[in-house]
Amino acid sequence: AKVPAIESALGTRPGAVRVESDPSHAGRCTMRVLA
């Protein structure tokens, strides 16, 4: 839900941030930033 805010904070282009959950842990995730 915070992906647009993350893109703004990191100064990336819109749509550059991807978030994937960690199947083994509900409290972890992978954030991918595409330059």
PDB file of all heavy atoms in Angstrom:
ATOM      1  N   ALA A   1       0.824  -1.214   0.000  1.00  0.00           N
ATOM      2  CA  ALA A   1       0.000   0.000   0.000  1.00  0.00           C
ATOM      3  C   ALA A   1       0.856   1.261   0.000  1.00  0.00           C
ATOM      4  O   ALA A   1       0.388   2.332  -0.422  1.00  0.00           O
ATOM      5  CB  ALA A   1      -0.926  -0.008   1.220  1.00  0.00           C
ATOM      6  N   LYS A   2       2.097   1.163   0.454  1.00  0.00           N
ATOM      7  CA  LYS A   2       2.984   2.325   0.530  1.00  0.00           C
ATOM      8  C   LYS A   2       3.938   2.420  -0.658  1.00  0.00           C
ATOM      9  O   LYS A   2       4.873   3.232  -0.624  1.00  0.00           O
ATOM     10  CB  LYS A   2       3.808   2.250   1.825  1.00  0.00           C
ATOM     11  CG  LYS A   2       2.983   2.294   3.103  1.00  0.00           C
ATOM     12  CD  LYS A   2       2.310   3.641   3.306  1.00  0.00           C
ATOM     13  CE  LYS A   2       1.571   3.702   4.631  1.00  0.00           C
ATOM     14  NZ  LYS A   2       0.898   5.010   4.835  1.00  0.00           N
ATOM     15  N   VAL A   3       3.743   1.604  -1.686  1.00  0.00           N
ATOM     16  CA  VAL A   3       4.674   1.611  -2.824  1.00  0.00           C
ATOM     17  C   VAL A   3       4.797   2.996  -3.455  1.00  0.00           C
ATOM     18  O   VAL A   3       5.921   3.458  -3.728  1.00  0.00           O
ATOM     19  CB  VAL A   3       4.251   0.550  -3.862  1.00  0.00           C
ATOM     20  CG1 VAL A   3       4.938   0.794  -5.206  1.00  0.00           C
ATOM     21  CG2 VAL A   3       4.606  -0.830  -3.363  1.00  0.00           C
ATOM     22  N   PRO A   4       3.705   3.743  -3.722  1.00  0.00           N
ATOM     23  CA  PRO A   4       3.890   5.101  -4.269  1.00  0.00           C
ATOM     24  C   PRO A   4       4.713   6.000  -3.357  1.00  0.00           C
ATOM     25  O   PRO A   4       5.536   6.783  -3.841  1.00  0.00           O
ATOM     26  CB  PRO A   4       2.446   5.612  -4.426  1.00  0.00           C
ATOM     27  CG  PRO A   4       1.612   4.380  -4.548  1.00  0.00           C
ATOM     28  CD  PRO A   4       2.271   3.379  -3.656  1.00  0.00           C
ATOM     29  N   ALA A   5       4.508   5.877  -2.037  1.00  0.00           N
ATOM     30  CA  ALA A   5       5.300   6.687  -1.108  1.00  0.00           C
ATOM     31  C   ALA A   5       6.765   6.259  -1.111  1.00  0.00           C
ATOM     32  O   ALA A   5       7.669   7.098  -0.999  1.00  0.00           O
ATOM     33  CB  ALA A   5       4.721   6.575   0.308  1.00  0.00           C
ATOM     34  N   ILE A   6       7.035   4.956  -1.254  1.00  0.00           N
ATOM     35  CA  ILE A   6       8.420   4.474  -1.321  1.00  0.00           C
ATOM     36  C   ILE A   6       9.099   5.022  -2.575  1.00  0.00           C
ATOM     37  O   ILE A   6      10.262   5.466  -2.523  1.00  0.00           O
ATOM     38  CB  ILE A   6       8.443   2.934  -1.319  1.00  0.00           C
ATOM     39  CG1 ILE A   6       7.923   2.404   0.024  1.00  0.00           C
ATOM     40  CG2 ILE A   6       9.855   2.415  -1.563  1.00  0.00           C
ATOM     41  CD1 ILE A   6       7.783   0.885   0.066  1.00  0.00           C
ATOM     42  N   GLU A   7       8.390   4.993  -3.710  1.00  0.00           N
ATOM     43  CA  GLU A   7       8.968   5.532  -4.940  1.00  0.00           C
ATOM     44  C   GLU A   7       9.278   7.016  -4.798  1.00  0.00           C
ATOM     45  O   GLU A   7      10.311   7.493  -5.288  1.00  0.00           O
ATOM     46  CB  GLU A   7       8.001   5.296  -6.102  1.00  0.00           C
ATOM     47  CG  GLU A   7       7.824   3.817  -6.446  1.00  0.00           C
ATOM     48  CD  GLU A   7       6.703   3.569  -7.433  1.00  0.00           C
ATOM     49  OE1 GLU A   7       5.876   4.491  -7.625  1.00  0.00           O
ATOM     50  OE2 GLU A   7       6.645   2.471  -7.987  1.00  0.00           O
ATOM     51  N   SER A   8       8.406   7.738  -4.133  1.00  0.00           N
ATOM     52  CA  SER A   8       8.658   9.159  -3.922  1.00  0.00           C
ATOM     53  C   SER A   8       9.856   9.376  -3.000  1.00  0.00           C
ATOM     54  O   SER A   8      10.705  10.236  -3.258  1.00  0.00           O
ATOM     55  CB  SER A   8       7.407   9.820  -3.329  1.00  0.00           C
ATOM     56  OG  SER A   8       7.665  11.176  -3.001  1.00  0.00           O
ATOM     57  N   ALA A   9       9.959   8.589  -1.927  1.00  0.00           N
ATOM     58  CA  ALA A   9      11.064   8.759  -0.985  1.00  0.00           C
ATOM     59  C   ALA A   9      12.405   8.390  -1.603  1.00  0.00           C
ATOM     60  O   ALA A   9      13.422   9.035  -1.326  1.00  0.00           O
ATOM     61  CB  ALA A   9      10.814   7.911   0.262  1.00  0.00           C
ATOM     62  N   LEU A  10      12.425   7.361  -2.448  1.00  0.00           N
ATOM     63  CA  LEU A  10      13.673   6.942  -3.075  1.00  0.00           C
ATOM     64  C   LEU A  10      14.014   7.761  -4.315  1.00  0.00           C
ATOM     65  O   LEU A  10      15.122   7.642  -4.848  1.00  0.00           O
ATOM     66  CB  LEU A  10      13.597   5.462  -3.467  1.00  0.00           C
ATOM     67  CG  LEU A  10      13.417   4.467  -2.317  1.00  0.00           C
ATOM     68  CD1 LEU A  10      13.358   3.041  -2.861  1.00  0.00           C
ATOM     69  CD2 LEU A  10      14.557   4.597  -1.311  1.00  0.00           C
ATOM     70  N   GLY A  11      13.066   8.561  -4.791  1.00  0.00           N
ATOM     71  CA  GLY A  11      13.322   9.384  -5.965  1.00  0.00           C
ATOM     72  C   GLY A  11      13.362   8.609  -7.261  1.00  0.00           C
ATOM     73  O   GLY A  11      14.081   8.983  -8.193  1.00  0.00           O
ATOM     74  N   THR A  12      12.592   7.514  -7.373  1.00  0.00           N
ATOM     75  CA  THR A  12      12.581   6.697  -8.582  1.00  0.00           C
ATOM     76  C   THR A  12      11.448   7.149  -9.506  1.00  0.00           C
ATOM     77  O   THR A  12      10.622   7.990  -9.147  1.00  0.00           O
ATOM     78  CB  THR A  12      12.400   5.216  -8.239  1.00  0.00           C
ATOM     79  OG1 THR A  12      11.074   5.018  -7.693  1.00  0.00           O
ATOM     80  CG2 THR A  12      13.424   4.776  -7.209  1.00  0.00           C
ATOM     81  N   ARG A  13      11.414   6.550 -10.689  1.00  0.00           N
ATOM     82  CA  ARG A  13      10.303   6.809 -11.600  1.00  0.00           C
ATOM     83  C   ARG A  13       9.064   6.052 -11.109  1.00  0.00           C
ATOM     84  O   ARG A  13       9.187   5.055 -10.394  1.00  0.00           O
ATOM     85  CB  ARG A  13      10.661   6.340 -13.011  1.00  0.00           C
ATOM     86  CG  ARG A  13      11.002   4.876 -13.096  1.00  0.00           C
ATOM     87  CD  ARG A  13      11.383   4.449 -14.510  1.00  0.00           C
ATOM     88  NE  ARG A  13      11.811   3.064 -14.532  1.00  0.00           N
ATOM     89  CZ  ARG A  13      11.004   2.016 -14.552  1.00  0.00           C
ATOM     90  NH1 ARG A  13       9.694   2.206 -14.562  1.00  0.00           N
ATOM     91  NH2 ARG A  13      11.474   0.798 -14.567  1.00  0.00           N
ATOM     92  N   PRO A  14       7.864   6.499 -11.461  1.00  0.00           N
ATOM     93  CA  PRO A  14       6.659   5.760 -11.060  1.00  0.00           C
ATOM     94  C   PRO A  14       6.658   4.351 -11.641  1.00  0.00           C
ATOM     95  O   PRO A  14       6.994   4.143 -12.800  1.00  0.00           O
ATOM     96  CB  PRO A  14       5.520   6.602 -11.655  1.00  0.00           C
ATOM     97  CG  PRO A  14       6.097   7.967 -11.829  1.00  0.00           C
ATOM     98  CD  PRO A  14       7.551   7.770 -12.138  1.00  0.00           C
ATOM     99  N   GLY A  15       6.302   3.378 -10.816  1.00  0.00           N
ATOM    100  CA  GLY A  15       6.256   1.997 -11.248  1.00  0.00           C
ATOM    101  C   GLY A  15       7.580   1.268 -11.177  1.00  0.00           C
ATOM    102  O   GLY A  15       7.705   0.173 -11.725  1.00  0.00           O
ATOM    103  N   ALA A  16       8.577   1.840 -10.496  1.00  0.00           N
ATOM    104  CA  ALA A  16       9.906   1.220 -10.450  1.00  0.00           C
ATOM    105  C   ALA A  16      10.074   0.262  -9.280  1.00  0.00           C
ATOM    106  O   ALA A  16      11.041  -0.497  -9.246  1.00  0.00           O
ATOM    107  CB  ALA A  16      10.986   2.295 -10.381  1.00  0.00           C
ATOM    108  N   VAL A  17       9.171   0.282  -8.303  1.00  0.00           N
ATOM    109  CA  VAL A  17       9.335  -0.524  -7.092  1.00  0.00           C
ATOM    110  C   VAL A  17       8.412  -1.736  -7.153  1.00  0.00           C
ATOM    111  O   VAL A  17       7.225  -1.607  -7.490  1.00  0.00           O
ATOM    112  CB  VAL A  17       9.041   0.316  -5.825  1.00  0.00           C
ATOM    113  CG1 VAL A  17       9.075  -0.553  -4.580  1.00  0.00           C
ATOM    114  CG2 VAL A  17      10.052   1.446  -5.702  1.00  0.00           C
ATOM    115  N   ARG A  18       8.962  -2.906  -6.857  1.00  0.00           N
ATOM    116  CA  ARG A  18       8.200  -4.157  -6.769  1.00  0.00           C
ATOM    117  C   ARG A  18       8.356  -4.707  -5.359  1.00  0.00           C
ATOM    118  O   ARG A  18       9.431  -4.624  -4.767  1.00  0.00           O
ATOM    119  CB  ARG A  18       8.715  -5.206  -7.755  1.00  0.00           C
ATOM    120  CG  ARG A  18       9.022  -4.655  -9.137  1.00  0.00           C
ATOM    121  CD  ARG A  18       7.766  -4.557  -9.966  1.00  0.00           C
ATOM    122  NE  ARG A  18       8.091  -4.238 -11.336  1.00  0.00           N
ATOM    123  CZ  ARG A  18       8.090  -3.012 -11.849  1.00  0.00           C
ATOM    124  NH1 ARG A  18       7.775  -1.988 -11.062  1.00  0.00           N
ATOM    125  NH2 ARG A  18       8.384  -2.792 -13.111  1.00  0.00           N
ATOM    126  N   VAL A  19       7.304  -5.289  -4.847  1.00  0.00           N
ATOM    127  CA  VAL A  19       7.319  -5.880  -3.501  1.00  0.00           C
ATOM    128  C   VAL A  19       6.782  -7.294  -3.592  1.00  0.00           C
ATOM    129  O   VAL A  19       5.687  -7.511  -4.143  1.00  0.00           O
ATOM    130  CB  VAL A  19       6.485  -5.045  -2.497  1.00  0.00           C
ATOM    131  CG1 VAL A  19       6.478  -5.716  -1.140  1.00  0.00           C
ATOM    132  CG2 VAL A  19       7.054  -3.639  -2.384  1.00  0.00           C
ATOM    133  N   GLU A  20       7.555  -8.256  -3.075  1.00  0.00           N
ATOM    134  CA  GLU A  20       7.137  -9.658  -3.053  1.00  0.00           C
ATOM    135  C   GLU A  20       7.253 -10.180  -1.632  1.00  0.00           C
ATOM    136  O   GLU A  20       8.221  -9.878  -0.923  1.00  0.00           O
ATOM    137  CB  GLU A  20       8.011 -10.507  -3.989  1.00  0.00           C
ATOM    138  CG  GLU A  20       7.900 -10.138  -5.451  1.00  0.00           C
ATOM    139  CD  GLU A  20       8.766 -11.020  -6.323  1.00  0.00           C
ATOM    140  OE1 GLU A  20       9.215 -12.078  -5.819  1.00  0.00           O
ATOM    141  OE2 GLU A  20       9.002 -10.666  -7.486  1.00  0.00           O
ATOM    142  N   SER A  21       6.272 -10.961  -1.223  1.00  0.00           N
ATOM    143  CA  SER A  21       6.297 -11.525   0.121  1.00  0.00           C
ATOM    144  C   SER A  21       7.289 -12.663   0.212  1.00  0.00           C
ATOM    145  O   SER A  21       7.641 -13.284  -0.798  1.00  0.00           O
ATOM    146  CB  SER A  21       4.898 -12.016   0.505  1.00  0.00           C
ATOM    147  OG  SER A  21       4.474 -13.034  -0.389  1.00  0.00           O
ATOM    148  N   ASP A  22       7.730 -12.944   1.421  1.00  0.00           N
ATOM    149  CA  ASP A  22       8.630 -14.064   1.686  1.00  0.00           C
ATOM    150  C   ASP A  22       7.773 -15.263   2.075  1.00  0.00           C
ATOM    151  O   ASP A  22       7.081 -15.221   3.100  1.00  0.00           O
ATOM    152  CB  ASP A  22       9.605 -13.708   2.816  1.00  0.00           C
ATOM    153  CG  ASP A  22      10.677 -14.770   3.007  1.00  0.00           C
ATOM    154  OD1 ASP A  22      10.471 -15.904   2.551  1.00  0.00           O
ATOM    155  OD2 ASP A  22      11.716 -14.458   3.614  1.00  0.00           O
ATOM    156  N   PRO A  23       7.778 -16.338   1.291  1.00  0.00           N
ATOM    157  CA  PRO A  23       6.907 -17.479   1.612  1.00  0.00           C
ATOM    158  C   PRO A  23       7.208 -18.117   2.959  1.00  0.00           C
ATOM    159  O   PRO A  23       6.346 -18.767   3.537  1.00  0.00           O
ATOM    160  CB  PRO A  23       7.170 -18.468   0.465  1.00  0.00           C
ATOM    161  CG  PRO A  23       7.765 -17.658  -0.630  1.00  0.00           C
ATOM    162  CD  PRO A  23       8.529 -16.563   0.045  1.00  0.00           C
ATOM    163  N   SER A  24       8.416 -17.929   3.467  1.00  0.00           N
ATOM    164  CA  SER A  24       8.809 -18.592   4.707  1.00  0.00           C
ATOM    165  C   SER A  24       8.602 -17.741   5.944  1.00  0.00           C
ATOM    166  O   SER A  24       8.725 -18.249   7.060  1.00  0.00           O
ATOM    167  CB  SER A  24      10.282 -19.011   4.635  1.00  0.00           C
ATOM    168  OG  SER A  24      11.123 -17.868   4.494  1.00  0.00           O
ATOM    169  N   HIS A  25       8.283 -16.438   5.779  1.00  0.00           N
ATOM    170  CA  HIS A  25       8.162 -15.576   6.950  1.00  0.00           C
ATOM    171  C   HIS A  25       7.213 -14.433   6.620  1.00  0.00           C
ATOM    172  O   HIS A  25       7.436 -13.682   5.664  1.00  0.00           O
ATOM    173  CB  HIS A  25       9.539 -15.024   7.347  1.00  0.00           C
ATOM    174  CG  HIS A  25       9.596 -14.480   8.757  1.00  0.00           C
ATOM    175  ND1 HIS A  25       8.923 -13.356   9.136  1.00  0.00           N
ATOM    176  CD2 HIS A  25      10.238 -14.933   9.870  1.00  0.00           C
ATOM    177  CE1 HIS A  25       9.152 -13.113  10.415  1.00  0.00           C
ATOM    178  NE2 HIS A  25       9.955 -14.072  10.879  1.00  0.00           N
ATOM    179  N   ALA A  26       6.169 -14.282   7.416  1.00  0.00           N
ATOM    180  CA  ALA A  26       5.168 -13.243   7.151  1.00  0.00           C
ATOM    181  C   ALA A  26       5.689 -11.846   7.464  1.00  0.00           C
ATOM    182  O   ALA A  26       5.100 -10.865   7.016  1.00  0.00           O
ATOM    183  CB  ALA A  26       3.901 -13.518   7.970  1.00  0.00           C
ATOM    184  N   GLY A  27       6.772 -11.759   8.233  1.00  0.00           N
ATOM    185  CA  GLY A  27       7.310 -10.456   8.612  1.00  0.00           C
ATOM    186  C   GLY A  27       8.463  -9.998   7.753  1.00  0.00           C
ATOM    187  O   GLY A  27       9.157  -9.046   8.115  1.00  0.00           O
ATOM    188  N   ARG A  28       8.703 -10.673   6.616  1.00  0.00           N
ATOM    189  CA  ARG A  28       9.784 -10.277   5.708  1.00  0.00           C
ATOM    190  C   ARG A  28       9.238 -10.162   4.297  1.00  0.00           C
ATOM    191  O   ARG A  28       8.256 -10.815   3.939  1.00  0.00           O
ATOM    192  CB  ARG A  28      10.930 -11.286   5.740  1.00  0.00           C
ATOM    193  CG  ARG A  28      11.737 -11.273   7.026  1.00  0.00           C
ATOM    194  CD  ARG A  28      13.096 -11.926   6.804  1.00  0.00           C
ATOM    195  NE  ARG A  28      12.973 -13.315   6.433  1.00  0.00           N
ATOM    196  CZ  ARG A  28      13.193 -14.329   7.256  1.00  0.00           C
ATOM    197  NH1 ARG A  28      13.532 -14.093   8.512  1.00  0.00           N
ATOM    198  NH2 ARG A  28      13.083 -15.584   6.836  1.00  0.00           N
ATOM    199  N   CYS A  29       9.897  -9.370   3.490  1.00  0.00           N
ATOM    200  CA  CYS A  29       9.520  -9.224   2.086  1.00  0.00           C
ATOM    201  C   CYS A  29      10.748  -8.807   1.290  1.00  0.00           C
ATOM    202  O   CYS A  29      11.760  -8.383   1.858  1.00  0.00           O
ATOM    203  CB  CYS A  29       8.381  -8.210   1.909  1.00  0.00           C
ATOM    204  SG  CYS A  29       8.827  -6.522   2.325  1.00  0.00           S
ATOM    205  N   THR A  30      10.633  -8.915  -0.018  1.00  0.00           N
ATOM    206  CA  THR A  30      11.695  -8.500  -0.928  1.00  0.00           C
ATOM    207  C   THR A  30      11.226  -7.277  -1.700  1.00  0.00           C
ATOM    208  O   THR A  30      10.160  -7.296  -2.312  1.00  0.00           O
ATOM    209  CB  THR A  30      12.054  -9.626  -1.909  1.00  0.00           C
ATOM    210  OG1 THR A  30      12.505 -10.766  -1.169  1.00  0.00           O
ATOM    211  CG2 THR A  30      13.159  -9.182  -2.849  1.00  0.00           C
ATOM    212  N   MET A  31      12.019  -6.231  -1.638  1.00  0.00           N
ATOM    213  CA  MET A  31      11.712  -5.004  -2.377  1.00  0.00           C
ATOM    214  C   MET A  31      12.719  -4.870  -3.516  1.00  0.00           C
ATOM    215  O   MET A  31      13.932  -4.896  -3.294  1.00  0.00           O
ATOM    216  CB  MET A  31      11.785  -3.778  -1.477  1.00  0.00           C
ATOM    217  CG  MET A  31      11.467  -2.467  -2.193  1.00  0.00           C
ATOM    218  SD  MET A  31      11.462  -1.031  -1.098  1.00  0.00           S
ATOM    219  CE  MET A  31      13.210  -0.917  -0.687  1.00  0.00           C
ATOM    220  N   ARG A  32      12.209  -4.750  -4.725  1.00  0.00           N
ATOM    221  CA  ARG A  32      13.064  -4.616  -5.909  1.00  0.00           C
ATOM    222  C   ARG A  32      12.850  -3.239  -6.522  1.00  0.00           C
ATOM    223  O   ARG A  32      11.699  -2.823  -6.746  1.00  0.00           O
ATOM    224  CB  ARG A  32      12.740  -5.707  -6.920  1.00  0.00           C
ATOM    225  CG  ARG A  32      13.610  -5.683  -8.164  1.00  0.00           C
ATOM    226  CD  ARG A  32      13.395  -6.934  -9.006  1.00  0.00           C
ATOM    227  NE  ARG A  32      14.152  -6.904 -10.231  1.00  0.00           N
ATOM    228  CZ  ARG A  32      15.433  -7.194 -10.343  1.00  0.00           C
ATOM    229  NH1 ARG A  32      16.113  -7.543  -9.261  1.00  0.00           N
ATOM    230  NH2 ARG A  32      16.052  -7.148 -11.500  1.00  0.00           N
ATOM    231  N   VAL A  33      13.952  -2.542  -6.785  1.00  0.00           N
ATOM    232  CA  VAL A  33      13.914  -1.198  -7.361  1.00  0.00           C
ATOM    233  C   VAL A  33      14.611  -1.252  -8.716  1.00  0.00           C
ATOM    234  O   VAL A  33      15.794  -1.615  -8.798  1.00  0.00           O
ATOM    235  CB  VAL A  33      14.602  -0.173  -6.446  1.00  0.00           C
ATOM    236  CG1 VAL A  33      14.520   1.219  -7.052  1.00  0.00           C
ATOM    237  CG2 VAL A  33      13.969  -0.181  -5.062  1.00  0.00           C
ATOM    238  N   LEU A  34      13.887  -0.922  -9.765  1.00  0.00           N
ATOM    239  CA  LEU A  34      14.409  -0.989 -11.129  1.00  0.00           C
ATOM    240  C   LEU A  34      14.823   0.401 -11.592  1.00  0.00           C
ATOM    241  O   LEU A  34      13.984   1.300 -11.709  1.00  0.00           O
ATOM    242  CB  LEU A  34      13.359  -1.557 -12.080  1.00  0.00           C
ATOM    243  CG  LEU A  34      12.935  -3.007 -11.828  1.00  0.00           C
ATOM    244  CD1 LEU A  34      11.816  -3.395 -12.781  1.00  0.00           C
ATOM    245  CD2 LEU A  34      14.109  -3.947 -11.978  1.00  0.00           C
ATOM    246  N   ALA A  35      16.119   0.564 -11.840  1.00  0.00           N
ATOM    247  CA  ALA A  35      16.590   1.821 -12.407  1.00  0.00           C
ATOM    248  C   ALA A  35      16.322   1.877 -13.901  1.00  0.00           C
ATOM    249  O   ALA A  35      16.130   2.947 -14.479  1.00  0.00           O
ATOM    250  CB  ALA A  35      18.087   1.983 -12.123  1.00  0.00           C
TER     251      ALA A  35
END
